[in-house]
Amino acid sequence: MVLKTELCRFSGQKIYPGKGIRFIRADSQVFLFANSKCKRYFHNRLKPAKLTWTAMYRKQHKKDIHAEAVKKRRRTTKKPYSRSIVGASLEVIQKKRAEKPEVRDAAREAALRSDFSTHLELHNDLEHFFSEIKERIKKTKDEKKAKKAEVAKSQKSQQGKGAAPKGAKGPKLGGGGGKR
């Protein structure tokens, strides 16, 4: 006769028929616990991974390796073979492989020279651009300084016409600011 066993939702132990505690949550999810200890820990929201006697802890800390047969997979080595790539057919690739290294080096050097010349052109353009920007910034700074000087001059002339000079105020008199 075969007995249908279930697993404890907390500890991972086997629960035989007629044993264990069944708990049904408000969202109608069923939890089966091996004993009141597991039920109590579950309701106190303890994590089973932190208790050394639970199946989850043992699995995380590799204590139960003998139970699971661990198979090492053999890697299958792929044999290299040639095929065409997008943008280059197989014949073109084989031609490039067959050509002499001197020819290849010369082609690479020519490509580098052309790249360098375009790089120099870009560099010169950027230098010109940045020098223009620096000139603009300098011009706006000079304009701001001139405006500031003009404003300061106008304020001095207004103060001299009879307005009381703004200076340090006298000492404060009165309460010392005690408790309120």
C-alpha atoms as a PDB file:
ATOM      1  CA  MET A   1       0.000   0.000   0.000  1.00  0.00           C
ATOM      2  CA  VAL A   2       1.371   3.412  -1.030  1.00  0.00           C
ATOM      3  CA  LEU A   3       0.935   6.315   1.387  1.00  0.00           C
ATOM      4  CA  LYS A   4       0.575   9.805  -0.012  1.00  0.00           C
ATOM      5  CA  THR A   5       3.007  11.981   1.926  1.00  0.00           C
ATOM      6  CA  GLU A   6       3.117  15.775   1.771  1.00  0.00           C
ATOM      7  CA  LEU A   7       5.863  18.228   2.669  1.00  0.00           C
ATOM      8  CA  CYS A   8       5.855  20.739   5.522  1.00  0.00           C
ATOM      9  CA  ARG A   9       5.778  24.289   4.121  1.00  0.00           C
ATOM     10  CA  PHE A  10       8.246  25.468   6.753  1.00  0.00           C
ATOM     11  CA  SER A  11      10.691  22.700   7.554  1.00  0.00           C
ATOM     12  CA  GLY A  12      10.426  20.546   4.425  1.00  0.00           C
ATOM     13  CA  GLN A  13       9.786  17.364   6.458  1.00  0.00           C
ATOM     14  CA  LYS A  14       7.551  14.557   5.177  1.00  0.00           C
ATOM     15  CA  ILE A  15       4.036  14.570   6.627  1.00  0.00           C
ATOM     16  CA  TYR A  16       2.207  11.256   6.650  1.00  0.00           C
ATOM     17  CA  PRO A  17      -1.605  10.958   6.396  1.00  0.00           C
ATOM     18  CA  GLY A  18      -3.419  11.892   9.606  1.00  0.00           C
ATOM     19  CA  LYS A  19      -0.469  13.931  10.884  1.00  0.00           C
ATOM     20  CA  GLY A  20       0.428  17.613  10.689  1.00  0.00           C
ATOM     21  CA  ILE A  21      -1.496  20.880  11.002  1.00  0.00           C
ATOM     22  CA  ARG A  22      -3.353  22.454   8.084  1.00  0.00           C
ATOM     23  CA  PHE A  23      -3.624  26.267   7.963  1.00  0.00           C
ATOM     24  CA  ILE A  24      -5.751  28.056   5.368  1.00  0.00           C
ATOM     25  CA  ARG A  25      -4.996  31.745   4.898  1.00  0.00           C
ATOM     26  CA  ALA A  26      -7.604  34.424   4.064  1.00  0.00           C
ATOM     27  CA  ASP A  27      -6.569  34.291   0.406  1.00  0.00           C
ATOM     28  CA  SER A  28      -7.466  30.562   0.527  1.00  0.00           C
ATOM     29  CA  GLN A  29      -3.847  29.395   0.288  1.00  0.00           C
ATOM     30  CA  VAL A  30      -3.270  26.112   2.139  1.00  0.00           C
ATOM     31  CA  PHE A  31      -0.212  25.587   4.337  1.00  0.00           C
ATOM     32  CA  LEU A  32       0.640  22.235   5.865  1.00  0.00           C
ATOM     33  CA  PHE A  33       2.952  22.106   8.888  1.00  0.00           C
ATOM     34  CA  ALA A  34       4.648  19.077  10.408  1.00  0.00           C
ATOM     35  CA  ASN A  35       4.079  20.222  14.005  1.00  0.00           C
ATOM     36  CA  SER A  36       3.188  23.201  16.181  1.00  0.00           C
ATOM     37  CA  LYS A  37       6.828  24.304  16.266  1.00  0.00           C
ATOM     38  CA  CYS A  38       6.847  24.812  12.481  1.00  0.00           C
ATOM     39  CA  LYS A  39       3.456  26.531  12.628  1.00  0.00           C
ATOM     40  CA  ARG A  40       4.612  28.877  15.388  1.00  0.00           C
ATOM     41  CA  TYR A  41       7.806  29.849  13.538  1.00  0.00           C
ATOM     42  CA  PHE A  42       5.818  30.429  10.330  1.00  0.00           C
ATOM     43  CA  HIS A  43       3.332  32.738  12.072  1.00  0.00           C
ATOM     44  CA  ASN A  44       6.194  34.602  13.774  1.00  0.00           C
ATOM     45  CA  ARG A  45       7.584  35.177  10.264  1.00  0.00           C
ATOM     46  CA  LEU A  46      10.876  33.456  10.930  1.00  0.00           C
ATOM     47  CA  LYS A  47      12.801  32.530   7.815  1.00  0.00           C
ATOM     48  CA  PRO A  48      13.361  28.786   7.473  1.00  0.00           C
ATOM     49  CA  ALA A  49      16.705  29.506   5.790  1.00  0.00           C
ATOM     50  CA  LYS A  50      18.029  30.846   9.111  1.00  0.00           C
ATOM     51  CA  LEU A  51      17.186  27.748  11.144  1.00  0.00           C
ATOM     52  CA  THR A  52      19.769  24.993  10.848  1.00  0.00           C
ATOM     53  CA  TRP A  53      17.326  22.089  11.124  1.00  0.00           C
ATOM     54  CA  THR A  54      15.140  23.026   8.125  1.00  0.00           C
ATOM     55  CA  ALA A  55      15.529  21.523   4.665  1.00  0.00           C
ATOM     56  CA  MET A  56      15.981  24.962   3.097  1.00  0.00           C
ATOM     57  CA  TYR A  57      18.989  25.750   5.323  1.00  0.00           C
ATOM     58  CA  ARG A  58      20.550  22.362   4.604  1.00  0.00           C
ATOM     59  CA  LYS A  59      20.098  22.859   0.867  1.00  0.00           C
ATOM     60  CA  GLN A  60      21.558  26.385   0.912  1.00  0.00           C
ATOM     61  CA  HIS A  61      24.579  25.301   2.924  1.00  0.00           C
ATOM     62  CA  LYS A  62      25.140  22.116   0.864  1.00  0.00           C
ATOM     63  CA  LYS A  63      24.660  19.753   3.803  1.00  0.00           C
ATOM     64  CA  ASP A  64      22.437  17.318   1.932  1.00  0.00           C
ATOM     65  CA  ILE A  65      24.599  16.592  -1.111  1.00  0.00           C
ATOM     66  CA  HIS A  66      24.516  12.815  -0.717  1.00  0.00           C
ATOM     67  CA  ALA A  67      20.725  12.840  -1.218  1.00  0.00           C
ATOM     68  CA  GLU A  68      20.973  14.400  -4.667  1.00  0.00           C
ATOM     69  CA  ALA A  69      23.062  12.647  -7.272  1.00  0.00           C
ATOM     70  CA  VAL A  70      25.198  15.367  -8.787  1.00  0.00           C
ATOM     71  CA  LYS A  71      26.158  14.680 -12.368  1.00  0.00           C
ATOM     72  CA  LYS A  72      29.082  16.426 -13.971  1.00  0.00           C
ATOM     73  CA  ARG A  73      28.290  17.322 -17.529  1.00  0.00           C
ATOM     74  CA  ARG A  74      30.874  16.664 -20.164  1.00  0.00           C
ATOM     75  CA  ARG A  75      31.560  19.536 -22.459  1.00  0.00           C
ATOM     76  CA  THR A  76      31.264  18.739 -26.109  1.00  0.00           C
ATOM     77  CA  THR A  77      33.957  20.472 -28.103  1.00  0.00           C
ATOM     78  CA  LYS A  78      32.844  21.998 -31.350  1.00  0.00           C
ATOM     79  CA  LYS A  79      34.972  21.333 -34.367  1.00  0.00           C
ATOM     80  CA  PRO A  80      35.973  24.513 -36.202  1.00  0.00           C
ATOM     81  CA  TYR A  81      34.727  24.929 -39.740  1.00  0.00           C
ATOM     82  CA  SER A  82      34.784  27.826 -42.175  1.00  0.00           C
ATOM     83  CA  ARG A  83      31.690  29.601 -43.360  1.00  0.00           C
ATOM     84  CA  SER A  84      30.864  32.969 -44.847  1.00  0.00           C
ATOM     85  CA  ILE A  85      30.032  36.012 -42.747  1.00  0.00           C
ATOM     86  CA  VAL A  86      27.527  38.735 -43.590  1.00  0.00           C
ATOM     87  CA  GLY A  87      29.282  41.144 -45.943  1.00  0.00           C
ATOM     88  CA  ALA A  88      32.068  38.730 -46.913  1.00  0.00           C
ATOM     89  CA  SER A  89      31.772  35.477 -48.791  1.00  0.00           C
ATOM     90  CA  LEU A  90      33.887  32.432 -47.992  1.00  0.00           C
ATOM     91  CA  GLU A  91      36.096  33.040 -51.045  1.00  0.00           C
ATOM     92  CA  VAL A  92      36.937  36.604 -49.931  1.00  0.00           C
ATOM     93  CA  ILE A  93      37.838  35.394 -46.448  1.00  0.00           C
ATOM     94  CA  GLN A  94      40.097  32.659 -47.824  1.00  0.00           C
ATOM     95  CA  LYS A  95      41.820  35.188 -50.138  1.00  0.00           C
ATOM     96  CA  LYS A  96      42.595  37.426 -47.169  1.00  0.00           C
ATOM     97  CA  ARG A  97      44.001  34.476 -45.245  1.00  0.00           C
ATOM     98  CA  ALA A  98      46.195  33.473 -48.179  1.00  0.00           C
ATOM     99  CA  GLU A  99      47.695  36.935 -48.880  1.00  0.00           C
ATOM    100  CA  LYS A 100      51.169  37.688 -47.578  1.00  0.00           C
ATOM    101  CA  PRO A 101      51.643  39.465 -44.249  1.00  0.00           C
ATOM    102  CA  GLU A 102      53.648  42.283 -45.910  1.00  0.00           C
ATOM    103  CA  VAL A 103      50.715  43.127 -48.180  1.00  0.00           C
ATOM    104  CA  ARG A 104      48.338  43.021 -45.225  1.00  0.00           C
ATOM    105  CA  ASP A 105      50.614  45.316 -43.165  1.00  0.00           C
ATOM    106  CA  ALA A 106      50.876  47.811 -46.027  1.00  0.00           C
ATOM    107  CA  ALA A 107      47.083  47.942 -46.391  1.00  0.00           C
ATOM    108  CA  ARG A 108      46.678  48.423 -42.641  1.00  0.00           C
ATOM    109  CA  GLU A 109      49.243  51.246 -42.623  1.00  0.00           C
ATOM    110  CA  ALA A 110      47.480  53.018 -45.510  1.00  0.00           C
ATOM    111  CA  ALA A 111      44.164  52.783 -43.677  1.00  0.00           C
ATOM    112  CA  LEU A 112      45.763  54.202 -40.520  1.00  0.00           C
ATOM    113  CA  ARG A 113      47.237  57.127 -42.475  1.00  0.00           C
ATOM    114  CA  SER A 114      43.838  58.010 -43.943  1.00  0.00           C
ATOM    115  CA  ASP A 115      42.241  57.758 -40.492  1.00  0.00           C
ATOM    116  CA  PHE A 116      44.955  59.986 -39.030  1.00  0.00           C
ATOM    117  CA  SER A 117      44.446  62.652 -41.710  1.00  0.00           C
ATOM    118  CA  THR A 118      40.681  62.774 -41.045  1.00  0.00           C
ATOM    119  CA  HIS A 119      41.445  62.922 -37.317  1.00  0.00           C
ATOM    120  CA  LEU A 120      43.758  65.923 -37.871  1.00  0.00           C
ATOM    121  CA  GLU A 121      41.086  67.728 -39.888  1.00  0.00           C
ATOM    122  CA  LEU A 122      38.546  67.175 -37.119  1.00  0.00           C
ATOM    123  CA  HIS A 123      41.039  68.364 -34.516  1.00  0.00           C
ATOM    124  CA  ASN A 124      41.703  71.601 -36.427  1.00  0.00           C
ATOM    125  CA  ASP A 125      37.967  72.246 -36.837  1.00  0.00           C
ATOM    126  CA  LEU A 126      37.407  71.714 -33.111  1.00  0.00           C
ATOM    127  CA  GLU A 127      40.278  74.049 -32.176  1.00  0.00           C
ATOM    128  CA  HIS A 128      38.771  76.785 -34.334  1.00  0.00           C
ATOM    129  CA  PHE A 129      35.319  76.183 -32.819  1.00  0.00           C
ATOM    130  CA  PHE A 130      36.617  76.323 -29.233  1.00  0.00           C
ATOM    131  CA  SER A 131      38.641  79.487 -29.875  1.00  0.00           C
ATOM    132  CA  GLU A 132      35.448  81.185 -31.133  1.00  0.00           C
ATOM    133  CA  ILE A 133      33.583  80.097 -28.011  1.00  0.00           C
ATOM    134  CA  LYS A 134      36.368  81.415 -25.745  1.00  0.00           C
ATOM    135  CA  GLU A 135      36.249  84.782 -27.515  1.00  0.00           C
ATOM    136  CA  ARG A 136      32.474  85.008 -27.022  1.00  0.00           C
ATOM    137  CA  ILE A 137      32.811  84.171 -23.325  1.00  0.00           C
ATOM    138  CA  LYS A 138      35.513  86.801 -22.860  1.00  0.00           C
ATOM    139  CA  LYS A 139      33.374  89.389 -24.645  1.00  0.00           C
ATOM    140  CA  THR A 140      30.324  88.719 -22.438  1.00  0.00           C
ATOM    141  CA  LYS A 141      32.492  88.877 -19.281  1.00  0.00           C
ATOM    142  CA  ASP A 142      33.866  92.254 -20.345  1.00  0.00           C
ATOM    143  CA  GLU A 143      30.323  93.521 -21.009  1.00  0.00           C
ATOM    144  CA  LYS A 144      29.176  92.362 -17.561  1.00  0.00           C
ATOM    145  CA  LYS A 145      32.139  94.091 -15.865  1.00  0.00           C
ATOM    146  CA  ALA A 146      31.359  97.319 -17.704  1.00  0.00           C
ATOM    147  CA  LYS A 147      27.693  97.149 -16.625  1.00  0.00           C
ATOM    148  CA  LYS A 148      28.691  96.514 -13.005  1.00  0.00           C
ATOM    149  CA  ALA A 149      31.043  99.471 -13.000  1.00  0.00           C
ATOM    150  CA  GLU A 150      28.323 101.676 -14.500  1.00  0.00           C
ATOM    151  CA  VAL A 151      25.780 100.604 -11.861  1.00  0.00           C
ATOM    152  CA  ALA A 152      28.270 101.188  -9.039  1.00  0.00           C
ATOM    153  CA  LYS A 153      29.057 104.657 -10.405  1.00  0.00           C
ATOM    154  CA  SER A 154      25.369 105.593 -10.589  1.00  0.00           C
ATOM    155  CA  GLN A 155      24.789 104.392  -7.003  1.00  0.00           C
ATOM    156  CA  LYS A 156      27.708 106.477  -5.700  1.00  0.00           C
ATOM    157  CA  SER A 157      26.355 109.570  -7.396  1.00  0.00           C
ATOM    158  CA  GLN A 158      22.893 108.999  -5.848  1.00  0.00           C
ATOM    159  CA  GLN A 159      24.357 108.590  -2.342  1.00  0.00           C
ATOM    160  CA  GLY A 160      26.280 111.811  -2.578  1.00  0.00           C
ATOM    161  CA  LYS A 161      23.127 113.872  -3.327  1.00  0.00           C
ATOM    162  CA  GLY A 162      21.909 113.971   0.296  1.00  0.00           C
ATOM    163  CA  ALA A 163      20.788 110.501   1.158  1.00  0.00           C
ATOM    164  CA  ALA A 164      21.979 109.213   4.529  1.00  0.00           C
ATOM    165  CA  PRO A 165      25.120 107.137   4.124  1.00  0.00           C
ATOM    166  CA  LYS A 166      24.615 103.474   4.612  1.00  0.00           C
ATOM    167  CA  GLY A 167      26.961 102.418   7.330  1.00  0.00           C
ATOM    168  CA  ALA A 168      27.162 100.369  10.472  1.00  0.00           C
ATOM    169  CA  LYS A 169      24.182 100.775  12.767  1.00  0.00           C
ATOM    170  CA  GLY A 170      24.642 101.715  16.419  1.00  0.00           C
ATOM    171  CA  PRO A 171      24.388  99.241  19.283  1.00  0.00           C
ATOM    172  CA  LYS A 172      21.000  97.699  19.928  1.00  0.00           C
ATOM    173  CA  LEU A 173      19.255  98.990  23.013  1.00  0.00           C
ATOM    174  CA  GLY A 174      16.473  97.364  24.941  1.00  0.00           C
ATOM    175  CA  GLY A 175      15.690  93.866  26.049  1.00  0.00           C
ATOM    176  CA  GLY A 176      18.315  91.226  26.229  1.00  0.00           C
ATOM    177  CA  GLY A 177      16.096  88.611  24.630  1.00  0.00           C
ATOM    178  CA  GLY A 178      15.362  86.579  27.745  1.00  0.00           C
ATOM    179  CA  LYS A 179      12.656  83.967  28.277  1.00  0.00           C
ATOM    180  CA  ARG A 180       9.338  84.649  26.679  1.00  0.00           C
END
